[in-house]
Structures are given as structure tokens and as C-alpha cells.
Amino acid sequence: MHSPITRINDQSMKTVALIQARMSSRRLPGKVLRDISGQPMILHVLRRARQASSIDSVAVITSVHEDDDAIKDLCAKNRLACFRGSLDDVLDRYYQAARYFQADIVVRLTADCPLLDPRIINKVVQAFHQDAFDYVSNTLDCTYPDGLDTEVFRFAALEKAWQEARLPSEREHVTAYIYKHPELFRLGSVKQEPDLSALRWTVDTPQDLDFVRMIYRLINKVDFGMQEILTLLQAHPEIMQVNADQQRNEGYLRSLQEDLKATTDSR
């Protein structure tokens, strides 16, 4: 029988943002190093994460696959913390990285979100600390644009998921085991009004990359947040048509199909 995790006081706990990155994206290979406004995408994500005052340190976590040597080299060149682990078992990569960086609280971010808003990261982390939560995100009940995703969870919750998760989707998508087991973990959700979840600000396809490049070019500075993007889109709604036909969470939905296949094959 499963038992709930033990919670400890949040004061003086180390909060580490771990940004997952790989070169082998199915729809847009090498996307995390694609140029946006004169810099690789991942450097924009790192800069934005480091601007969040609620985070103690930031690191890139990539795989040991040779394709991801380029990410390691970029981090070395820019003196950025980098950890390498499993390519496909991203849950194990997160667990090993969190142990390595001695994280008590983990902020999960992804390198394909170059429009991340540090203020929203802070909002999710602050919500995590308001109660004895094990996991808080702005993705359980999606009301933010896709691409502002922030998940915050205890190392103890990550460790329990690492020990017990078995399904392919749970190993690839890191937190799936946690939010699928509310009987084990205390979950919290950060929502906003109005619901902006139909807006797509992440980068999975060439169209997404075109959209983000357009945002950076028209705002014409590197540091801006959600409200400035919304103001731009209100003035130029045609920009949203650039990537309007893309599906949210396509990767996770594909993993669920792999779960079904794995379950069928084991019978």
C-alpha cells in the first residue's frame, strides 16, 4: 500500500530550477539552439528563469546522447550549470540532477519556452509555499498561454515518483505520476482570469518558431512579459494565425498511446 510522503518545513530550503533540453525534438530538431533575436533559444529561457527572485539557482539538464553534446558545449562556453542523464527516462534525469544540485524544491521548466515570464514563475513558487503542498503548477487547470508552464514540487515527491512510476508517459513526462495520484500528494493549482489557454507561445514546430521570432522582433527588446505580449497581440491579432493550428500537449498525448501499447504487449 502506498503511503503519503513526509513534509518538512519550507524555510531555508534550496529551490533549483531545472530546465530540460534535448536536440532530438521530433517536429523541430535542434530547436533549443535555434536563433531568436541573435541568441540561441535556450539562453533566453535561462535568462528569464534567472530573473525569478524565488529561485536560488538554475541549471540545464540534458542527455548523455552525443546529439546533446552541443547543449553541453553551449553551457560550458557560457559558464552555465549543466547536468547530463538519460535521454528517454526524463524522470530519472530530473531525480539524478536534483540530487546532484541538492535541491529541496524543484522548479521544472523546459527549454522550448522562450517567452517564460519570471513574474509567473514567482507566482507559482509563492503559491507552493502558502500551504503544505507537494506539487503546484499552472498546468493542472490550464488558464495561462501554452509556453508559460511552471511546475514546482518537493524533492521527496520527485523521489517517490522516481521509485514507483512505471508507465512510459510517467518516465518521460516527469510529473505525471505525481498529479495522477492526489491520494499520495497534496496538489495545488495556479489559475488566472481570463482563460488564455488557447494561446500558443511554446516552440515545437517551425510555425511556433516563426511566431516567437515575430514577438521578439516587434517588441524589440529581450526582457518583456505576458502583459506586453498580450498588448502586442491585441494590436496585431493576425500574428496569432502563424501557429494557430498546432495542438497543445501533443507529446504527452503521444506518450499515452505508448502506455496503451506497453500495457497491451505485457499481457
Protein backbone atom coordinates (compact mmCIF):
# COMPACT_ATOMS: atom_id res chain seq x y z
CA MET A 1 0.00 0.00 0.00
CA HIS A 2 1.27 3.47 -0.87
CA SER A 3 1.92 5.92 1.96
CA PRO A 4 1.89 9.73 1.77
CA ILE A 5 5.25 11.46 1.72
CA THR A 6 6.61 13.22 4.78
CA ARG A 7 6.59 17.01 4.51
CA ILE A 8 9.13 19.26 6.19
CA ASN A 9 9.26 22.99 6.76
CA ASP A 10 9.91 25.05 3.62
CA GLN A 11 12.10 27.65 5.34
CA SER A 12 15.74 27.67 4.25
CA MET A 13 15.06 25.03 1.60
CA LYS A 14 17.04 25.24 -1.63
CA THR A 15 14.93 25.94 -4.71
CA VAL A 16 16.52 24.89 -8.00
CA ALA A 17 15.11 25.44 -11.48
CA LEU A 18 15.97 22.53 -13.78
CA ILE A 19 15.48 23.29 -17.47
CA GLN A 20 15.18 20.18 -19.59
CA ALA A 21 16.64 20.35 -23.08
CA ARG A 22 17.47 17.99 -25.93
CA MET A 23 18.39 18.28 -29.59
CA SER A 24 16.27 15.37 -30.85
CA SER A 25 12.87 17.03 -30.99
CA ARG A 26 10.61 15.12 -33.38
CA ARG A 27 8.98 18.09 -35.09
CA LEU A 28 11.79 20.65 -34.93
CA PRO A 29 15.19 19.01 -34.37
CA GLY A 30 17.74 21.20 -32.63
CA LYS A 31 15.07 23.74 -31.69
CA VAL A 32 16.61 24.72 -28.35
CA LEU A 33 19.64 26.16 -30.17
CA ARG A 34 17.67 27.94 -32.90
CA ASP A 35 18.36 31.65 -33.12
CA ILE A 36 15.90 34.14 -31.66
CA SER A 37 16.87 37.78 -31.72
CA GLY A 38 20.57 36.94 -32.01
CA GLN A 39 20.76 34.27 -29.29
CA PRO A 40 20.03 30.53 -29.03
CA MET A 41 16.56 29.90 -27.67
CA ILE A 42 17.84 28.17 -24.54
CA LEU A 43 19.77 31.27 -23.45
CA HIS A 44 16.55 33.29 -23.48
CA VAL A 45 14.92 30.65 -21.28
CA LEU A 46 17.87 30.64 -18.88
CA ARG A 47 17.95 34.42 -18.63
CA ARG A 48 14.24 34.58 -17.86
CA ALA A 49 14.46 31.81 -15.26
CA ARG A 50 17.36 33.53 -13.51
CA GLN A 51 15.28 36.71 -13.23
CA ALA A 52 12.79 34.91 -10.98
CA SER A 53 13.63 36.02 -7.44
CA SER A 54 12.06 32.88 -5.93
CA ILE A 55 14.76 30.63 -7.43
CA ASP A 56 18.16 30.05 -5.79
CA SER A 57 19.91 28.51 -8.79
CA VAL A 58 19.26 27.43 -12.37
CA ALA A 59 20.69 24.52 -14.34
CA VAL A 60 20.23 22.89 -17.73
CA ILE A 61 19.61 19.15 -17.70
CA THR A 62 20.21 17.36 -20.98
CA SER A 63 21.03 13.80 -22.01
CA VAL A 64 24.24 11.84 -22.43
CA HIS A 65 23.39 11.19 -26.09
CA GLU A 66 26.04 12.55 -28.45
CA ASP A 67 23.45 14.75 -30.16
CA ASP A 68 23.24 16.75 -26.93
CA ASP A 69 26.97 17.48 -26.79
CA ALA A 70 26.09 20.79 -28.45
CA ILE A 71 23.96 21.78 -25.45
CA LYS A 72 26.74 20.83 -23.05
CA ASP A 73 29.24 22.84 -25.10
CA LEU A 74 26.99 25.91 -25.13
CA CYS A 75 26.59 25.71 -21.36
CA ALA A 76 30.36 25.35 -20.89
CA LYS A 77 31.02 28.32 -23.17
CA ASN A 78 28.60 30.47 -21.15
CA ARG A 79 29.64 29.06 -17.76
CA LEU A 80 26.18 27.65 -17.10
CA ALA A 81 25.47 24.70 -14.83
CA CYS A 82 24.67 21.58 -16.86
CA PHE A 83 23.80 18.02 -15.88
CA ARG A 84 23.54 15.05 -18.25
CA GLY A 85 21.39 11.97 -17.77
CA SER A 86 19.04 9.58 -19.53
CA LEU A 87 17.62 10.63 -22.89
CA ASP A 88 14.27 8.85 -22.63
CA ASP A 89 13.81 8.40 -18.87
CA VAL A 90 13.46 12.10 -18.13
CA LEU A 91 12.10 11.34 -14.66
CA ASP A 92 15.40 9.66 -13.81
CA ARG A 93 17.29 12.60 -15.33
CA TYR A 94 15.39 15.01 -13.09
CA TYR A 95 15.86 12.87 -9.99
CA GLN A 96 19.61 12.45 -10.52
CA ALA A 97 20.02 16.16 -11.31
CA ALA A 98 18.02 17.23 -8.25
CA ARG A 99 20.23 15.04 -6.09
CA TYR A 100 23.37 16.40 -7.73
CA PHE A 101 22.34 20.03 -7.17
CA GLN A 102 21.00 19.23 -3.67
CA ALA A 103 17.57 20.64 -4.43
CA ASP A 104 14.89 20.58 -1.74
CA ILE A 105 12.35 22.14 -4.09
CA VAL A 106 12.46 21.71 -7.86
CA VAL A 107 11.07 24.14 -10.42
CA ARG A 108 10.55 22.31 -13.69
CA LEU A 109 10.92 24.39 -16.86
CA THR A 110 11.54 23.44 -20.48
CA ALA A 111 13.99 24.92 -22.97
CA ASP A 112 11.33 25.37 -25.66
CA CYS A 113 9.54 28.19 -23.81
CA PRO A 114 11.46 31.39 -24.67
CA LEU A 115 8.54 33.60 -23.58
CA LEU A 116 8.61 32.46 -19.95
CA ASP A 117 7.63 35.22 -17.55
CA PRO A 118 9.69 35.42 -14.30
CA ARG A 119 6.72 37.00 -12.53
CA ILE A 120 4.58 33.96 -13.27
CA ILE A 121 7.36 31.64 -12.09
CA ASN A 122 7.43 33.62 -8.84
CA LYS A 123 3.65 33.39 -8.54
CA VAL A 124 3.69 29.60 -8.80
CA VAL A 125 6.59 29.23 -6.35
CA GLN A 126 4.88 31.57 -3.89
CA ALA A 127 1.66 29.54 -4.16
CA PHE A 128 3.68 26.41 -3.38
CA HIS A 129 4.92 27.96 -0.14
CA GLN A 130 1.48 29.15 1.00
CA ASP A 131 0.47 25.68 2.17
CA ALA A 132 1.98 22.24 2.73
CA PHE A 133 1.87 21.36 -0.95
CA ASP A 134 3.91 18.65 -2.61
CA TYR A 135 3.25 19.94 -6.13
CA VAL A 136 1.91 23.20 -7.56
CA SER A 137 1.65 24.25 -11.20
CA ASN A 138 -0.21 26.47 -13.63
CA THR A 139 -0.83 23.46 -15.87
CA LEU A 140 -3.22 21.26 -13.84
CA ASP A 141 -6.04 23.62 -14.79
CA CYS A 142 -4.72 25.39 -17.87
CA THR A 143 -5.57 29.09 -17.95
CA TYR A 144 -2.20 30.53 -18.99
CA PRO A 145 -0.84 30.57 -22.56
CA ASP A 146 0.94 27.37 -23.54
CA GLY A 147 4.61 28.26 -23.09
CA LEU A 148 4.39 29.85 -19.62
CA ASP A 149 4.30 26.43 -17.94
CA THR A 150 5.82 26.24 -14.46
CA GLU A 151 5.78 23.24 -12.12
CA VAL A 152 7.09 23.28 -8.54
CA PHE A 153 7.48 20.18 -6.39
CA ARG A 154 9.34 18.77 -3.42
CA PHE A 155 12.37 16.57 -3.92
CA ALA A 156 10.58 13.98 -1.74
CA ALA A 157 7.69 13.88 -4.22
CA LEU A 158 10.13 13.54 -7.13
CA GLU A 159 11.91 10.70 -5.34
CA LYS A 160 8.66 8.84 -4.69
CA ALA A 161 7.64 9.20 -8.34
CA TRP A 162 11.11 8.01 -9.42
CA GLN A 163 10.75 4.92 -7.23
CA GLU A 164 7.21 3.99 -8.23
CA ALA A 165 6.42 5.29 -11.73
CA ARG A 166 6.30 2.52 -14.35
CA LEU A 167 4.38 3.74 -17.40
CA PRO A 168 6.34 5.24 -20.35
CA SER A 169 4.41 8.52 -20.04
CA GLU A 170 5.30 8.75 -16.35
CA ARG A 171 9.00 8.27 -17.05
CA GLU A 172 9.10 10.68 -20.00
CA HIS A 173 6.95 13.48 -18.61
CA VAL A 174 8.42 13.62 -15.07
CA THR A 175 5.46 14.83 -13.02
CA ALA A 176 2.66 12.68 -14.50
CA TYR A 177 2.86 10.14 -11.65
CA ILE A 178 2.58 12.94 -9.08
CA TYR A 179 -0.51 14.65 -10.42
CA LYS A 180 -2.21 11.33 -11.24
CA HIS A 181 -2.02 10.33 -7.55
CA PRO A 182 -3.76 13.02 -5.46
CA GLU A 183 -4.18 10.43 -2.70
CA LEU A 184 -0.40 10.48 -2.24
CA PHE A 185 0.49 14.09 -2.93
CA ARG A 186 -1.03 17.41 -1.93
CA LEU A 187 -1.61 19.23 -5.23
CA GLY A 188 -2.13 22.93 -5.86
CA SER A 189 -3.14 24.86 -8.95
CA VAL A 190 -2.46 28.45 -10.01
CA LYS A 191 -5.13 29.91 -12.29
CA GLN A 192 -5.98 33.28 -13.74
CA GLU A 193 -8.84 35.14 -15.35
CA PRO A 194 -9.44 35.35 -18.24
CA ASP A 195 -8.65 31.88 -19.53
CA LEU A 196 -5.80 32.29 -22.05
CA SER A 197 -5.01 28.60 -22.52
CA ALA A 198 -5.94 28.74 -26.22
CA LEU A 199 -2.87 30.92 -26.87
CA ARG A 200 0.23 29.03 -28.02
CA TRP A 201 3.60 30.54 -27.06
CA THR A 202 5.79 27.42 -26.91
CA VAL A 203 8.08 26.17 -29.69
CA ASP A 204 7.51 22.70 -31.14
CA THR A 205 7.21 23.45 -34.86
CA PRO A 206 8.67 25.82 -37.47
CA GLN A 207 5.44 27.84 -37.25
CA ASP A 208 5.89 28.23 -33.48
CA LEU A 209 9.44 29.44 -34.02
CA ASP A 210 8.23 31.99 -36.57
CA PHE A 211 5.66 33.23 -34.07
CA VAL A 212 8.17 33.68 -31.25
CA ARG A 213 10.70 35.39 -33.52
CA MET A 214 7.98 37.79 -34.59
CA ILE A 215 7.13 38.59 -30.96
CA TYR A 216 10.76 39.38 -30.13
CA ARG A 217 11.20 41.47 -33.28
CA LEU A 218 8.07 43.56 -32.79
CA ILE A 219 8.55 44.18 -29.07
CA ASN A 220 12.20 44.90 -29.90
CA LYS A 221 13.75 44.05 -26.54
CA VAL A 222 14.69 40.82 -24.79
CA ASP A 223 13.06 41.39 -21.40
CA PHE A 224 9.28 41.54 -21.53
CA GLY A 225 6.43 39.57 -20.00
CA MET A 226 2.98 38.20 -20.62
CA GLN A 227 1.18 41.53 -20.44
CA GLU A 228 3.40 43.12 -23.07
CA ILE A 229 2.82 40.17 -25.40
CA LEU A 230 -0.94 40.39 -24.87
CA THR A 231 -0.85 44.11 -25.65
CA LEU A 232 1.02 43.38 -28.88
CA LEU A 233 -1.42 40.63 -29.88
CA GLN A 234 -4.38 42.86 -29.17
CA ALA A 235 -2.95 45.42 -31.58
CA HIS A 236 -1.94 42.76 -34.14
CA PRO A 237 -4.29 39.75 -33.78
CA GLU A 238 -3.16 38.42 -37.16
CA ILE A 239 0.11 37.28 -35.54
CA MET A 240 -1.77 34.52 -33.72
CA GLN A 241 -2.63 32.87 -37.03
CA VAL A 242 1.02 31.98 -37.63
CA ASN A 243 0.78 28.88 -35.39
CA ALA A 244 -2.93 28.68 -34.61
CA ASP A 245 -3.36 25.13 -35.96
CA GLN A 246 -0.93 23.45 -33.51
CA GLN A 247 -2.18 21.07 -30.78
CA ARG A 248 -1.43 21.60 -27.08
CA ASN A 249 0.35 18.78 -25.21
CA GLU A 250 0.81 16.67 -28.33
CA GLY A 251 3.89 14.98 -26.87
CA TYR A 252 2.06 13.85 -23.73
CA LEU A 253 -0.87 12.56 -25.75
CA ARG A 254 1.56 10.54 -27.87
CA SER A 255 3.08 9.07 -24.70
CA LEU A 256 -0.35 7.94 -23.51
CA GLN A 257 -0.65 5.94 -26.71
CA GLU A 258 2.69 4.33 -25.89
CA ASP A 259 1.33 3.45 -22.42
CA LEU A 260 -1.56 1.63 -24.06
CA LYS A 261 0.80 -0.27 -26.35
CA ALA A 262 3.09 -1.21 -23.45
CA THR A 263 0.13 -2.45 -21.40
CA THR A 264 -1.19 -4.48 -24.33
CA ASP A 265 2.21 -6.01 -25.12
CA SER A 266 2.69 -7.13 -21.49
CA ARG A 267 -0.49 -9.21 -21.46
